[in-house]
Amino acid sequence: MNDRVTVLLKAILIAFAAFLTISLLILFSTFNPLTFNLFKASPSDIREGNTKIEKIFTSLDLKPEKVESDGSYHYEGGGLTFTVHFSEEMIQSHPVLKESPKRTNNRIEVYVVQLEDISYAEVGENLLNTGLYQFLEEKSWDYYREIGKDQSVNYSILQWNNQERLKKGIKYYEKALTLVDIQDNSAIRHIDTITVKHGKESQMKQLIREMDEAGLLTQTTEKNVAVSQ
């Protein structure tokens, strides 16, 4: 009797081991490390992020069709990508969208480290071409030197970090797109090279003057704190 029980137990153990082995083989054969992510935002946090980004774009007169995210963090503790969908008509009628380095077809990706980082400043950093934005800042410093204005190296001059500044800034940014050539340096992981088109130099200087008159050249020592105008 004991021998029969022993044989039965062995058979059960062998069957269980075989089942476990097969299950593990199936699991690892379908495992994809690119999509497997232990660190995910909660559904409520994702909805909150989608809503915040949609509201920001809408307030800039760039109303998206929808905003979505799978909620997967790029690394432990942070890094979320939101995909902002636009209509074809919206893309074609707004150069800031059409020429965005983050655009793929009718979608623009917005990357933030944390949900609480979602702001006009972060949306602007994702939407605008970093090379052109920095180029406009350099031209703004040239303009300041020409008019003899304070040029402390501790200051930043372009801070389109709220609804009013970013919305107004996009208007001049789109004008700048018509005055420059942009060399795509994404293949070498470097910001794009910007040069003024031949014969457009005076128009670029006029654009910078207009930006100053519109209150867009605001010296700041911190990202979101204006210290003088």
C-alpha atoms as a PDB file:
ATOM      1  CA  MET A   1       0.000   0.000   0.000  1.00  0.00           C
ATOM      2  CA  ASN A   2       2.792   2.405   0.951  1.00  0.00           C
ATOM      3  CA  ASP A   3       4.611   1.581  -2.280  1.00  0.00           C
ATOM      4  CA  ARG A   4       1.522   2.499  -4.293  1.00  0.00           C
ATOM      5  CA  VAL A   5       1.207   5.827  -2.459  1.00  0.00           C
ATOM      6  CA  THR A   6       4.875   6.539  -3.059  1.00  0.00           C
ATOM      7  CA  VAL A   7       4.564   5.794  -6.775  1.00  0.00           C
ATOM      8  CA  LEU A   8       1.441   7.971  -7.001  1.00  0.00           C
ATOM      9  CA  LEU A   9       3.133  10.879  -5.251  1.00  0.00           C
ATOM     10  CA  LYS A  10       6.141  10.580  -7.562  1.00  0.00           C
ATOM     11  CA  ALA A  11       3.848  10.590 -10.590  1.00  0.00           C
ATOM     12  CA  ILE A  12       2.071  13.704  -9.312  1.00  0.00           C
ATOM     13  CA  LEU A  13       5.374  15.472  -8.685  1.00  0.00           C
ATOM     14  CA  ILE A  14       6.681  14.553 -12.140  1.00  0.00           C
ATOM     15  CA  ALA A  15       3.456  15.787 -13.753  1.00  0.00           C
ATOM     16  CA  PHE A  16       3.594  19.038 -11.775  1.00  0.00           C
ATOM     17  CA  ALA A  17       7.237  19.575 -12.708  1.00  0.00           C
ATOM     18  CA  ALA A  18       6.419  18.983 -16.364  1.00  0.00           C
ATOM     19  CA  PHE A  19       3.483  21.403 -16.183  1.00  0.00           C
ATOM     20  CA  LEU A  20       5.636  24.050 -14.496  1.00  0.00           C
ATOM     21  CA  THR A  21       8.388  23.628 -17.090  1.00  0.00           C
ATOM     22  CA  ILE A  22       5.972  23.952 -20.002  1.00  0.00           C
ATOM     23  CA  SER A  23       4.333  27.009 -18.406  1.00  0.00           C
ATOM     24  CA  LEU A  24       7.695  28.728 -17.936  1.00  0.00           C
ATOM     25  CA  LEU A  25       8.703  27.975 -21.521  1.00  0.00           C
ATOM     26  CA  ILE A  26       5.483  29.505 -22.811  1.00  0.00           C
ATOM     27  CA  LEU A  27       5.944  32.557 -20.569  1.00  0.00           C
ATOM     28  CA  PHE A  28       9.500  33.278 -21.661  1.00  0.00           C
ATOM     29  CA  SER A  29       8.743  32.606 -25.334  1.00  0.00           C
ATOM     30  CA  THR A  30       6.146  35.395 -25.312  1.00  0.00           C
ATOM     31  CA  PHE A  31       8.065  37.748 -22.986  1.00  0.00           C
ATOM     32  CA  ASN A  32       8.975  41.054 -24.599  1.00  0.00           C
ATOM     33  CA  PRO A  33      11.355  43.198 -22.502  1.00  0.00           C
ATOM     34  CA  LEU A  34      10.443  46.265 -24.550  1.00  0.00           C
ATOM     35  CA  THR A  35       6.824  46.157 -23.481  1.00  0.00           C
ATOM     36  CA  PHE A  36       7.184  44.582 -20.049  1.00  0.00           C
ATOM     37  CA  ASN A  37       7.229  47.307 -17.439  1.00  0.00           C
ATOM     38  CA  LEU A  38       6.729  46.957 -13.709  1.00  0.00           C
ATOM     39  CA  PHE A  39       6.534  50.718 -13.263  1.00  0.00           C
ATOM     40  CA  LYS A  40       3.236  52.144 -14.502  1.00  0.00           C
ATOM     41  CA  ALA A  41       1.147  55.153 -13.623  1.00  0.00           C
ATOM     42  CA  SER A  42      -2.300  54.470 -12.240  1.00  0.00           C
ATOM     43  CA  PRO A  43      -5.323  54.795 -14.564  1.00  0.00           C
ATOM     44  CA  SER A  44      -6.444  57.902 -12.658  1.00  0.00           C
ATOM     45  CA  ASP A  45      -3.004  59.511 -13.034  1.00  0.00           C
ATOM     46  CA  ILE A  46      -3.008  58.739 -16.766  1.00  0.00           C
ATOM     47  CA  ARG A  47      -6.438  60.333 -17.170  1.00  0.00           C
ATOM     48  CA  GLU A  48      -5.250  63.379 -15.210  1.00  0.00           C
ATOM     49  CA  GLY A  49      -2.161  63.714 -17.424  1.00  0.00           C
ATOM     50  CA  ASN A  50      -4.208  63.309 -20.609  1.00  0.00           C
ATOM     51  CA  THR A  51      -6.628  66.006 -19.439  1.00  0.00           C
ATOM     52  CA  LYS A  52      -3.874  68.457 -18.446  1.00  0.00           C
ATOM     53  CA  ILE A  53      -2.090  68.168 -21.782  1.00  0.00           C
ATOM     54  CA  GLU A  54      -5.323  68.442 -23.751  1.00  0.00           C
ATOM     55  CA  LYS A  55      -6.256  71.615 -21.854  1.00  0.00           C
ATOM     56  CA  ILE A  56      -2.840  73.186 -22.490  1.00  0.00           C
ATOM     57  CA  PHE A  57      -2.947  72.542 -26.240  1.00  0.00           C
ATOM     58  CA  THR A  58      -6.565  73.701 -26.463  1.00  0.00           C
ATOM     59  CA  SER A  59      -5.702  76.960 -24.665  1.00  0.00           C
ATOM     60  CA  LEU A  60      -3.042  77.534 -27.338  1.00  0.00           C
ATOM     61  CA  ASP A  61      -5.711  77.204 -30.071  1.00  0.00           C
ATOM     62  CA  LEU A  62      -4.181  73.837 -30.992  1.00  0.00           C
ATOM     63  CA  LYS A  63      -7.075  71.609 -29.987  1.00  0.00           C
ATOM     64  CA  PRO A  64      -6.171  67.912 -30.247  1.00  0.00           C
ATOM     65  CA  GLU A  65      -8.564  65.129 -31.188  1.00  0.00           C
ATOM     66  CA  LYS A  66      -7.368  63.080 -28.233  1.00  0.00           C
ATOM     67  CA  VAL A  67      -4.468  62.521 -25.856  1.00  0.00           C
ATOM     68  CA  GLU A  68      -3.392  59.103 -24.653  1.00  0.00           C
ATOM     69  CA  SER A  69      -0.633  57.261 -22.805  1.00  0.00           C
ATOM     70  CA  ASP A  70      -0.043  53.647 -21.853  1.00  0.00           C
ATOM     71  CA  GLY A  71       1.267  54.915 -18.507  1.00  0.00           C
ATOM     72  CA  SER A  72       4.562  53.036 -18.706  1.00  0.00           C
ATOM     73  CA  TYR A  73       7.456  54.836 -17.049  1.00  0.00           C
ATOM     74  CA  HIS A  74      10.681  54.892 -19.038  1.00  0.00           C
ATOM     75  CA  TYR A  75      12.656  54.156 -15.891  1.00  0.00           C
ATOM     76  CA  GLU A  76      12.006  53.504 -12.204  1.00  0.00           C
ATOM     77  CA  GLY A  77      10.341  56.561 -10.740  1.00  0.00           C
ATOM     78  CA  GLY A  78       9.636  58.618 -13.835  1.00  0.00           C
ATOM     79  CA  GLY A  79       9.478  59.314 -17.533  1.00  0.00           C
ATOM     80  CA  LEU A  80       6.068  59.247 -19.222  1.00  0.00           C
ATOM     81  CA  THR A  81       5.219  59.760 -22.878  1.00  0.00           C
ATOM     82  CA  PHE A  82       1.847  61.136 -23.959  1.00  0.00           C
ATOM     83  CA  THR A  83       0.693  60.929 -27.564  1.00  0.00           C
ATOM     84  CA  VAL A  84      -1.314  63.931 -28.785  1.00  0.00           C
ATOM     85  CA  HIS A  85      -3.481  63.299 -31.857  1.00  0.00           C
ATOM     86  CA  PHE A  86      -4.511  66.089 -34.230  1.00  0.00           C
ATOM     87  CA  SER A  87      -6.698  66.288 -37.301  1.00  0.00           C
ATOM     88  CA  GLU A  88      -4.981  66.565 -40.672  1.00  0.00           C
ATOM     89  CA  GLU A  89      -6.496  70.028 -41.087  1.00  0.00           C
ATOM     90  CA  MET A  90      -5.039  71.180 -37.752  1.00  0.00           C
ATOM     91  CA  ILE A  91      -1.559  69.883 -38.653  1.00  0.00           C
ATOM     92  CA  GLN A  92      -1.549  71.535 -42.078  1.00  0.00           C
ATOM     93  CA  SER A  93      -2.867  74.884 -40.844  1.00  0.00           C
ATOM     94  CA  HIS A  94      -0.376  75.287 -37.980  1.00  0.00           C
ATOM     95  CA  PRO A  95       3.339  75.251 -38.920  1.00  0.00           C
ATOM     96  CA  VAL A  96       4.295  74.853 -35.243  1.00  0.00           C
ATOM     97  CA  LEU A  97       2.624  71.433 -35.364  1.00  0.00           C
ATOM     98  CA  LYS A  98       3.657  70.510 -38.885  1.00  0.00           C
ATOM     99  CA  GLU A  99       7.332  71.317 -38.277  1.00  0.00           C
ATOM    100  CA  SER A 100       7.559  69.904 -34.764  1.00  0.00           C
ATOM    101  CA  PRO A 101      10.488  67.469 -34.354  1.00  0.00           C
ATOM    102  CA  LYS A 102       8.216  65.339 -32.173  1.00  0.00           C
ATOM    103  CA  ARG A 103       5.605  64.865 -34.911  1.00  0.00           C
ATOM    104  CA  THR A 104       4.914  61.509 -36.566  1.00  0.00           C
ATOM    105  CA  ASN A 105       2.084  61.768 -39.075  1.00  0.00           C
ATOM    106  CA  ASN A 106      -0.736  63.427 -37.124  1.00  0.00           C
ATOM    107  CA  ARG A 107       0.697  62.681 -33.700  1.00  0.00           C
ATOM    108  CA  ILE A 108       3.035  64.630 -31.446  1.00  0.00           C
ATOM    109  CA  GLU A 109       4.752  63.041 -28.472  1.00  0.00           C
ATOM    110  CA  VAL A 110       5.055  64.919 -25.196  1.00  0.00           C
ATOM    111  CA  TYR A 111       7.552  63.515 -22.699  1.00  0.00           C
ATOM    112  CA  VAL A 112       7.522  64.488 -19.016  1.00  0.00           C
ATOM    113  CA  VAL A 113       9.553  63.145 -16.110  1.00  0.00           C
ATOM    114  CA  GLN A 114       6.635  63.276 -13.662  1.00  0.00           C
ATOM    115  CA  LEU A 115       2.931  64.052 -13.999  1.00  0.00           C
ATOM    116  CA  GLU A 116       3.366  67.139 -11.841  1.00  0.00           C
ATOM    117  CA  ASP A 117       5.855  68.443 -14.441  1.00  0.00           C
ATOM    118  CA  ILE A 118       3.095  68.896 -17.033  1.00  0.00           C
ATOM    119  CA  SER A 119       3.107  72.624 -17.754  1.00  0.00           C
ATOM    120  CA  TYR A 120       3.253  75.162 -20.556  1.00  0.00           C
ATOM    121  CA  ALA A 121       7.043  75.131 -20.285  1.00  0.00           C
ATOM    122  CA  GLU A 122       7.226  71.355 -20.722  1.00  0.00           C
ATOM    123  CA  VAL A 123       4.729  71.327 -23.591  1.00  0.00           C
ATOM    124  CA  GLY A 124       6.723  74.072 -25.290  1.00  0.00           C
ATOM    125  CA  GLU A 125       9.964  72.142 -24.904  1.00  0.00           C
ATOM    126  CA  ASN A 126       8.378  69.127 -26.582  1.00  0.00           C
ATOM    127  CA  LEU A 127       6.502  71.039 -29.264  1.00  0.00           C
ATOM    128  CA  LEU A 128       9.149  73.498 -30.448  1.00  0.00           C
ATOM    129  CA  ASN A 129      12.413  72.807 -32.230  1.00  0.00           C
ATOM    130  CA  THR A 130      15.106  73.210 -29.569  1.00  0.00           C
ATOM    131  CA  GLY A 131      17.635  74.421 -32.138  1.00  0.00           C
ATOM    132  CA  LEU A 132      15.350  77.164 -33.436  1.00  0.00           C
ATOM    133  CA  TYR A 133      14.285  78.217 -29.939  1.00  0.00           C
ATOM    134  CA  GLN A 134      17.925  78.567 -28.875  1.00  0.00           C
ATOM    135  CA  PHE A 135      18.699  80.368 -32.127  1.00  0.00           C
ATOM    136  CA  LEU A 136      15.966  82.923 -31.395  1.00  0.00           C
ATOM    137  CA  GLU A 137      17.417  83.389 -27.925  1.00  0.00           C
ATOM    138  CA  GLU A 138      20.887  83.985 -29.375  1.00  0.00           C
ATOM    139  CA  LYS A 139      19.488  86.539 -31.827  1.00  0.00           C
ATOM    140  CA  SER A 140      17.659  88.169 -28.914  1.00  0.00           C
ATOM    141  CA  TRP A 141      20.957  88.560 -27.049  1.00  0.00           C
ATOM    142  CA  ASP A 142      22.481  90.106 -30.186  1.00  0.00           C
ATOM    143  CA  TYR A 143      19.592  92.561 -30.210  1.00  0.00           C
ATOM    144  CA  TYR A 144      20.148  93.367 -26.521  1.00  0.00           C
ATOM    145  CA  ARG A 145      23.812  94.105 -27.232  1.00  0.00           C
ATOM    146  CA  GLU A 146      22.823  96.420 -30.059  1.00  0.00           C
ATOM    147  CA  ILE A 147      20.493  98.464 -27.849  1.00  0.00           C
ATOM    148  CA  GLY A 148      22.882  98.408 -24.874  1.00  0.00           C
ATOM    149  CA  LYS A 149      20.634  96.447 -22.526  1.00  0.00           C
ATOM    150  CA  ASP A 150      21.919  94.477 -19.521  1.00  0.00           C
ATOM    151  CA  GLN A 151      23.373  91.143 -20.656  1.00  0.00           C
ATOM    152  CA  SER A 152      24.152  89.304 -17.430  1.00  0.00           C
ATOM    153  CA  VAL A 153      25.263  85.772 -18.199  1.00  0.00           C
ATOM    154  CA  ASN A 154      23.072  84.555 -15.323  1.00  0.00           C
ATOM    155  CA  TYR A 155      19.944  85.581 -17.219  1.00  0.00           C
ATOM    156  CA  SER A 156      17.834  83.632 -19.659  1.00  0.00           C
ATOM    157  CA  ILE A 157      15.983  85.824 -22.118  1.00  0.00           C
ATOM    158  CA  LEU A 158      13.269  83.585 -23.612  1.00  0.00           C
ATOM    159  CA  GLN A 159      10.884  81.985 -21.145  1.00  0.00           C
ATOM    160  CA  TRP A 160       7.646  81.009 -22.845  1.00  0.00           C
ATOM    161  CA  ASN A 161       6.476  79.271 -19.694  1.00  0.00           C
ATOM    162  CA  ASN A 162       2.832  80.280 -19.337  1.00  0.00           C
ATOM    163  CA  GLN A 163      -0.253  80.355 -21.536  1.00  0.00           C
ATOM    164  CA  GLU A 164       0.091  83.992 -22.577  1.00  0.00           C
ATOM    165  CA  ARG A 165       3.796  83.872 -23.458  1.00  0.00           C
ATOM    166  CA  LEU A 166       3.720  80.513 -25.231  1.00  0.00           C
ATOM    167  CA  LYS A 167       0.628  81.363 -27.272  1.00  0.00           C
ATOM    168  CA  LYS A 168       2.095  84.717 -28.256  1.00  0.00           C
ATOM    169  CA  GLY A 169       5.538  83.187 -28.814  1.00  0.00           C
ATOM    170  CA  ILE A 170       4.187  80.554 -31.221  1.00  0.00           C
ATOM    171  CA  LYS A 171       2.994  83.357 -33.507  1.00  0.00           C
ATOM    172  CA  TYR A 172       6.558  84.679 -33.873  1.00  0.00           C
ATOM    173  CA  TYR A 173       8.078  81.185 -33.895  1.00  0.00           C
ATOM    174  CA  GLU A 174       5.960  80.332 -36.946  1.00  0.00           C
ATOM    175  CA  LYS A 175       7.201  83.508 -38.660  1.00  0.00           C
ATOM    176  CA  ALA A 176      10.769  82.463 -37.852  1.00  0.00           C
ATOM    177  CA  LEU A 177      10.176  79.104 -39.554  1.00  0.00           C
ATOM    178  CA  THR A 178       9.763  80.964 -42.861  1.00  0.00           C
ATOM    179  CA  LEU A 179      13.057  82.831 -42.416  1.00  0.00           C
ATOM    180  CA  VAL A 180      15.449  79.970 -41.620  1.00  0.00           C
ATOM    181  CA  ASP A 181      16.838  76.725 -42.946  1.00  0.00           C
ATOM    182  CA  ILE A 182      16.900  73.855 -40.470  1.00  0.00           C
ATOM    183  CA  GLN A 183      19.478  71.086 -40.714  1.00  0.00           C
ATOM    184  CA  ASP A 184      18.164  67.935 -39.057  1.00  0.00           C
ATOM    185  CA  ASN A 185      20.830  66.581 -36.675  1.00  0.00           C
ATOM    186  CA  SER A 186      18.705  63.904 -35.014  1.00  0.00           C
ATOM    187  CA  ALA A 187      20.860  61.154 -36.525  1.00  0.00           C
ATOM    188  CA  ILE A 188      23.842  62.372 -34.490  1.00  0.00           C
ATOM    189  CA  ARG A 189      21.709  63.132 -31.414  1.00  0.00           C
ATOM    190  CA  HIS A 190      22.409  66.848 -31.537  1.00  0.00           C
ATOM    191  CA  ILE A 191      20.161  69.889 -31.723  1.00  0.00           C
ATOM    192  CA  ASP A 192      19.415  71.050 -35.256  1.00  0.00           C
ATOM    193  CA  THR A 193      21.602  73.616 -36.988  1.00  0.00           C
ATOM    194  CA  ILE A 194      19.756  76.839 -37.846  1.00  0.00           C
ATOM    195  CA  THR A 195      20.814  79.372 -40.485  1.00  0.00           C
ATOM    196  CA  VAL A 196      18.971  82.450 -41.737  1.00  0.00           C
ATOM    197  CA  LYS A 197      17.939  82.149 -45.366  1.00  0.00           C
ATOM    198  CA  HIS A 198      19.823  84.331 -47.818  1.00  0.00           C
ATOM    199  CA  GLY A 199      18.279  87.790 -47.991  1.00  0.00           C
ATOM    200  CA  LYS A 200      16.156  87.267 -44.863  1.00  0.00           C
ATOM    201  CA  GLU A 201      18.607  88.772 -42.338  1.00  0.00           C
ATOM    202  CA  SER A 202      16.794  92.109 -42.012  1.00  0.00           C
ATOM    203  CA  GLN A 203      13.457  90.331 -41.578  1.00  0.00           C
ATOM    204  CA  MET A 204      14.939  88.240 -38.790  1.00  0.00           C
ATOM    205  CA  LYS A 205      16.178  91.374 -36.982  1.00  0.00           C
ATOM    206  CA  GLN A 206      12.748  92.935 -37.385  1.00  0.00           C
ATOM    207  CA  LEU A 207      11.156  89.787 -35.972  1.00  0.00           C
ATOM    208  CA  ILE A 208      13.321  90.004 -32.852  1.00  0.00           C
ATOM    209  CA  ARG A 209      12.396  93.668 -32.390  1.00  0.00           C
ATOM    210  CA  GLU A 210       8.720  92.750 -32.676  1.00  0.00           C
ATOM    211  CA  MET A 211       9.187  90.001 -30.093  1.00  0.00           C
ATOM    212  CA  ASP A 212      10.698  92.551 -27.716  1.00  0.00           C
ATOM    213  CA  GLU A 213       7.836  94.987 -28.322  1.00  0.00           C
ATOM    214  CA  ALA A 214       5.400  92.138 -27.610  1.00  0.00           C
ATOM    215  CA  GLY A 215       7.066  91.547 -24.224  1.00  0.00           C
ATOM    216  CA  LEU A 216       8.580  88.172 -25.140  1.00  0.00           C
ATOM    217  CA  LEU A 217      12.200  89.047 -24.325  1.00  0.00           C
ATOM    218  CA  THR A 218      11.948  88.810 -20.564  1.00  0.00           C
ATOM    219  CA  GLN A 219      15.166  88.403 -18.580  1.00  0.00           C
ATOM    220  CA  THR A 220      14.895  85.737 -15.916  1.00  0.00           C
ATOM    221  CA  THR A 221      17.266  84.131 -13.456  1.00  0.00           C
ATOM    222  CA  GLU A 222      15.036  81.123 -12.814  1.00  0.00           C
ATOM    223  CA  LYS A 223      12.849  79.044 -15.074  1.00  0.00           C
ATOM    224  CA  ASN A 224       9.553  80.546 -13.962  1.00  0.00           C
ATOM    225  CA  VAL A 225      10.458  83.804 -12.198  1.00  0.00           C
ATOM    226  CA  ALA A 226      10.690  87.081 -14.099  1.00  0.00           C
ATOM    227  CA  VAL A 227      13.109  89.607 -12.579  1.00  0.00           C
ATOM    228  CA  SER A 228      13.087  92.480 -15.052  1.00  0.00           C
ATOM    229  CA  GLN A 229      11.741  93.591 -18.398  1.00  0.00           C
END
